Amino acid sequence: MAPDDMARADTLAADDRTMTALRLSLTLVAMFVGSLGAALGLYAAAFMGVHDDIDPFLRDIHQQSEWAAWAAGAACIAAVFSAIERLIKL
């Protein structure tokens, strides 16, 4: 094998390792952010009480909607990272 071919093979191997590390990192970030979104949603749902009066109930729903917005944002970020990771495989 010629020295140029060996250098090219080393460069390709390094690029492959870099892409593998990048795909793994994106997968881990997507999993973490998705889990964070699920945890935020569960946290908001777990602490919502049931009241006899409609006013405190509506206040609780409003507070839960703020948490749900953060959870939805985290799910969106997780989906973006997952899509990027899948596109890299192509």
Protein backbone atom coordinates (compact mmCIF):
# COMPACT_ATOMS: atom_id res chain seq x y z
CA MET A 1 0.00 0.00 0.00
CA ALA A 2 1.37 3.39 -0.99
CA PRO A 3 1.95 6.06 1.66
CA ASP A 4 -0.74 8.28 0.08
CA ASP A 5 -3.27 5.44 0.29
CA MET A 6 -2.38 4.79 3.94
CA ALA A 7 -2.77 8.48 4.80
CA ARG A 8 -6.13 8.58 3.02
CA ALA A 9 -7.29 5.45 4.86
CA ASP A 10 -6.26 6.98 8.21
CA THR A 11 -8.17 10.15 7.38
CA LEU A 12 -11.29 8.18 6.43
CA ALA A 13 -11.05 6.13 9.62
CA ALA A 14 -10.74 9.31 11.70
CA ASP A 15 -13.75 10.83 9.90
CA ASP A 16 -15.76 7.66 10.55
CA ARG A 17 -14.89 7.75 14.26
CA THR A 18 -15.84 11.43 14.42
CA MET A 19 -19.21 10.80 12.76
CA THR A 20 -19.87 7.85 15.06
CA ALA A 21 -19.12 10.01 18.10
CA LEU A 22 -21.33 12.78 16.74
CA ARG A 23 -24.25 10.40 16.11
CA LEU A 24 -23.88 8.93 19.60
CA SER A 25 -23.76 12.39 21.15
CA LEU A 26 -26.88 13.50 19.28
CA THR A 27 -28.71 10.34 20.33
CA LEU A 28 -27.76 10.85 23.98
CA VAL A 29 -28.80 14.52 23.90
CA ALA A 30 -32.13 13.60 22.30
CA MET A 31 -32.74 10.94 24.95
CA PHE A 32 -31.84 13.33 27.78
CA VAL A 33 -33.97 16.20 26.49
CA GLY A 34 -36.89 13.86 25.78
CA SER A 35 -36.67 12.47 29.30
CA LEU A 36 -36.51 15.99 30.69
CA GLY A 37 -39.67 16.90 28.78
CA ALA A 38 -41.45 13.83 30.11
CA ALA A 39 -40.32 14.63 33.65
CA LEU A 40 -41.60 18.20 33.35
CA GLY A 41 -44.97 16.97 32.14
CA LEU A 42 -45.25 14.45 34.95
CA TYR A 43 -44.17 17.02 37.53
CA ALA A 44 -46.86 19.44 36.37
CA ALA A 45 -49.54 16.74 36.34
CA ALA A 46 -48.58 15.27 39.71
CA PHE A 47 -48.99 18.49 41.67
CA MET A 48 -52.29 19.60 40.20
CA GLY A 49 -54.92 19.31 42.89
CA VAL A 50 -58.64 18.80 42.60
CA HIS A 51 -60.74 21.65 44.01
CA ASP A 52 -64.43 22.20 44.60
CA ASP A 53 -64.25 25.76 43.32
CA ILE A 54 -63.57 26.61 39.68
CA ASP A 55 -61.21 29.56 40.32
CA PRO A 56 -58.38 27.60 42.01
CA PHE A 57 -58.87 24.85 39.43
CA LEU A 58 -58.40 27.30 36.56
CA ARG A 59 -55.34 28.76 38.27
CA ASP A 60 -53.85 25.26 38.53
CA ILE A 61 -54.60 24.57 34.87
CA HIS A 62 -52.82 27.78 33.92
CA GLN A 63 -49.76 26.81 35.96
CA GLN A 64 -49.79 23.36 34.40
CA SER A 65 -49.94 24.87 30.92
CA GLU A 66 -46.70 26.76 31.58
CA TRP A 67 -44.97 23.50 32.54
CA ALA A 68 -46.53 21.78 29.53
CA ALA A 69 -45.09 24.47 27.26
CA TRP A 70 -41.58 23.76 28.60
CA ALA A 71 -42.17 20.02 28.17
CA ALA A 72 -43.33 20.54 24.59
CA GLY A 73 -40.25 22.65 23.86
CA ALA A 74 -38.01 19.91 25.25
CA ALA A 75 -39.80 17.31 23.13
CA CYS A 76 -39.32 19.48 20.04
CA ILE A 77 -35.60 19.84 20.73
CA ALA A 78 -35.32 16.07 21.23
CA ALA A 79 -37.06 15.49 17.91
CA VAL A 80 -34.68 17.89 16.15
CA PHE A 81 -31.61 16.15 17.58
CA SER A 82 -33.03 12.76 16.66
CA ALA A 83 -33.75 13.93 13.10
CA ILE A 84 -30.22 15.33 12.72
CA GLU A 85 -28.79 12.03 13.95
CA ARG A 86 -30.89 10.11 11.41
CA LEU A 87 -29.89 12.44 8.57
CA ILE A 88 -26.21 11.91 9.36
CA LYS A 89 -26.65 8.18 8.78
CA LEU A 90 -27.78 8.80 5.18
